[in-house]
Amino acid sequence: VQLQASGGGLVQAGGSLRLSCVASGRLDHYGIGWFRQVSGKEREKILCISGADGSTYWSDPTEDRFVISREENTVYLQMNGLKSEDTAIYYCGADLFDRCDLGTVGPYTIWGQGTLVTVSS
């Protein structure tokens, strides 16, 4: 499977964006996670959705302002109440064994190209 992330851009603090992660194939068996990374820092997990049953996991850094959802071969990240500290490159990744519950970056072996989100204060 290949992933393509899109939807980033420049937004004012308090605004919203919806990111999309389009997969080249079915997602029934994969865990799809959204992550973000700031230059010089480790990739940070945000939300994951299970391919098996649509269960969602994580969300600490975003304090429930972000919501993950899936529709056919696309996984969305709805981001509301954006803050300047949300500025980062956002990536979607696939875990081919659907292990969202592990909560680590390691299982994600397939990545989209990243989409830049810039939040101005």
Protein backbone atom coordinates (compact mmCIF):
# COMPACT_ATOMS: atom_id res chain seq x y z
CA VAL A 1 0.00 0.00 0.00
CA GLN A 2 1.12 3.58 -0.65
CA LEU A 3 -0.07 6.63 1.22
CA GLN A 4 -0.49 10.23 0.13
CA ALA A 5 -1.12 12.95 2.68
CA SER A 6 -2.57 16.34 1.83
CA GLY A 7 -4.55 19.22 3.26
CA GLY A 8 -1.92 21.18 5.12
CA GLY A 9 -1.55 24.93 4.87
CA LEU A 10 -1.42 28.18 6.76
CA VAL A 11 -4.19 28.87 9.25
CA GLN A 12 -4.73 31.34 12.05
CA ALA A 13 -4.79 30.21 15.65
CA GLY A 14 -8.22 28.93 16.55
CA GLY A 15 -8.92 27.80 13.03
CA SER A 16 -9.46 24.35 11.57
CA LEU A 17 -7.95 22.14 8.90
CA ARG A 18 -8.75 18.67 7.63
CA LEU A 19 -5.90 16.49 6.50
CA SER A 20 -6.41 13.53 4.20
CA CYS A 21 -4.41 10.35 3.84
CA VAL A 22 -5.33 8.47 0.70
CA ALA A 23 -4.22 4.86 0.41
CA SER A 24 -3.62 3.02 -2.84
CA GLY A 25 -5.48 -0.02 -1.52
CA ARG A 26 -7.94 -1.23 1.07
CA LEU A 27 -7.34 -0.37 4.70
CA ASP A 28 -9.30 -3.16 6.36
CA HIS A 29 -6.22 -4.81 7.83
CA TYR A 30 -3.99 -1.84 8.55
CA GLY A 31 -3.70 0.55 11.42
CA ILE A 32 -3.36 4.08 10.10
CA GLY A 33 -1.80 6.67 12.35
CA TRP A 34 -1.32 10.39 12.10
CA PHE A 35 1.93 11.79 13.43
CA ARG A 36 3.67 15.12 13.39
CA GLN A 37 7.24 16.25 13.50
CA VAL A 38 9.02 19.49 14.16
CA SER A 39 12.55 19.95 12.91
CA GLY A 40 15.04 18.62 15.45
CA LYS A 41 12.46 16.66 17.40
CA GLU A 42 11.20 13.10 17.29
CA ARG A 43 8.09 12.18 15.39
CA GLU A 44 5.11 12.48 17.73
CA LYS A 45 2.05 10.28 17.56
CA ILE A 46 -1.39 11.89 17.42
CA LEU A 47 -4.20 9.48 16.58
CA CYS A 48 -4.56 6.02 15.13
CA ILE A 49 -7.52 4.19 13.67
CA SER A 50 -7.76 0.43 13.49
CA GLY A 51 -8.49 -1.17 10.15
CA ALA A 52 -10.29 -4.10 11.79
CA ASP A 53 -12.99 -2.23 13.68
CA GLY A 54 -12.42 1.51 13.41
CA SER A 55 -11.36 1.89 17.03
CA THR A 56 -9.28 4.98 17.70
CA TYR A 57 -6.30 5.38 19.97
CA TRP A 58 -3.97 8.06 21.45
CA SER A 59 -4.55 11.85 21.35
CA ASP A 60 -2.60 13.16 24.36
CA PRO A 61 -0.76 16.05 22.70
CA THR A 62 -3.86 17.35 20.97
CA GLU A 63 -6.23 17.25 23.96
CA ASP A 64 -9.20 15.97 21.99
CA ARG A 65 -9.10 18.91 19.56
CA PHE A 66 -8.29 16.49 16.76
CA VAL A 67 -10.50 13.71 15.43
CA ILE A 68 -9.51 10.79 13.21
CA SER A 69 -11.94 9.09 10.86
CA ARG A 70 -11.90 6.72 7.93
CA GLU A 71 -13.94 6.50 4.75
CA GLU A 72 -13.12 3.69 2.36
CA ASN A 73 -9.43 4.14 1.49
CA THR A 74 -9.01 7.58 3.04
CA VAL A 75 -8.21 8.48 6.63
CA TYR A 76 -8.91 12.02 7.76
CA LEU A 77 -7.53 14.12 10.57
CA GLN A 78 -9.91 16.91 11.50
CA MET A 79 -8.01 19.53 13.46
CA ASN A 80 -9.95 22.15 15.40
CA GLY A 81 -8.89 24.93 17.71
CA LEU A 82 -5.42 25.01 16.20
CA LYS A 83 -2.61 26.51 18.25
CA SER A 84 0.80 27.77 17.24
CA GLU A 85 2.37 24.72 18.88
CA ASP A 86 0.50 22.52 16.37
CA THR A 87 2.80 23.84 13.64
CA ALA A 88 4.61 20.83 12.20
CA ILE A 89 4.86 18.49 9.26
CA TYR A 90 2.05 15.96 9.55
CA TYR A 91 2.51 12.41 8.35
CA CYS A 92 0.24 9.43 8.03
CA GLY A 93 1.70 5.99 8.48
CA ALA A 94 0.47 2.42 8.05
CA ASP A 95 1.05 -0.49 10.38
CA LEU A 96 0.51 -3.59 8.28
CA PHE A 97 -0.42 -5.59 11.38
CA ASP A 98 -2.98 -3.13 12.76
CA ARG A 99 -1.40 -2.55 16.18
CA CYS A 100 -2.69 0.88 17.14
CA ASP A 101 -2.83 -0.25 20.75
CA LEU A 102 0.98 -0.44 20.94
CA GLY A 103 1.21 3.35 20.82
CA THR A 104 4.68 3.50 19.31
CA VAL A 105 6.09 4.78 16.03
CA GLY A 106 8.08 1.64 15.24
CA PRO A 107 5.28 -0.52 13.75
CA TYR A 108 4.54 2.08 11.07
CA THR A 109 6.59 1.02 8.09
CA ILE A 110 4.80 2.83 5.28
CA TRP A 111 4.63 6.61 5.27
CA GLY A 112 3.02 9.33 3.25
CA GLN A 113 5.16 12.25 2.14
CA GLY A 114 4.05 14.67 4.86
CA THR A 115 2.03 17.84 4.71
CA LEU A 116 3.02 21.09 6.39
CA VAL A 117 0.66 22.76 8.81
CA THR A 118 1.54 26.28 9.92
CA VAL A 119 -0.52 27.98 12.59
CA SER A 120 -0.04 31.72 12.95
CA SER A 121 -0.71 33.38 16.29
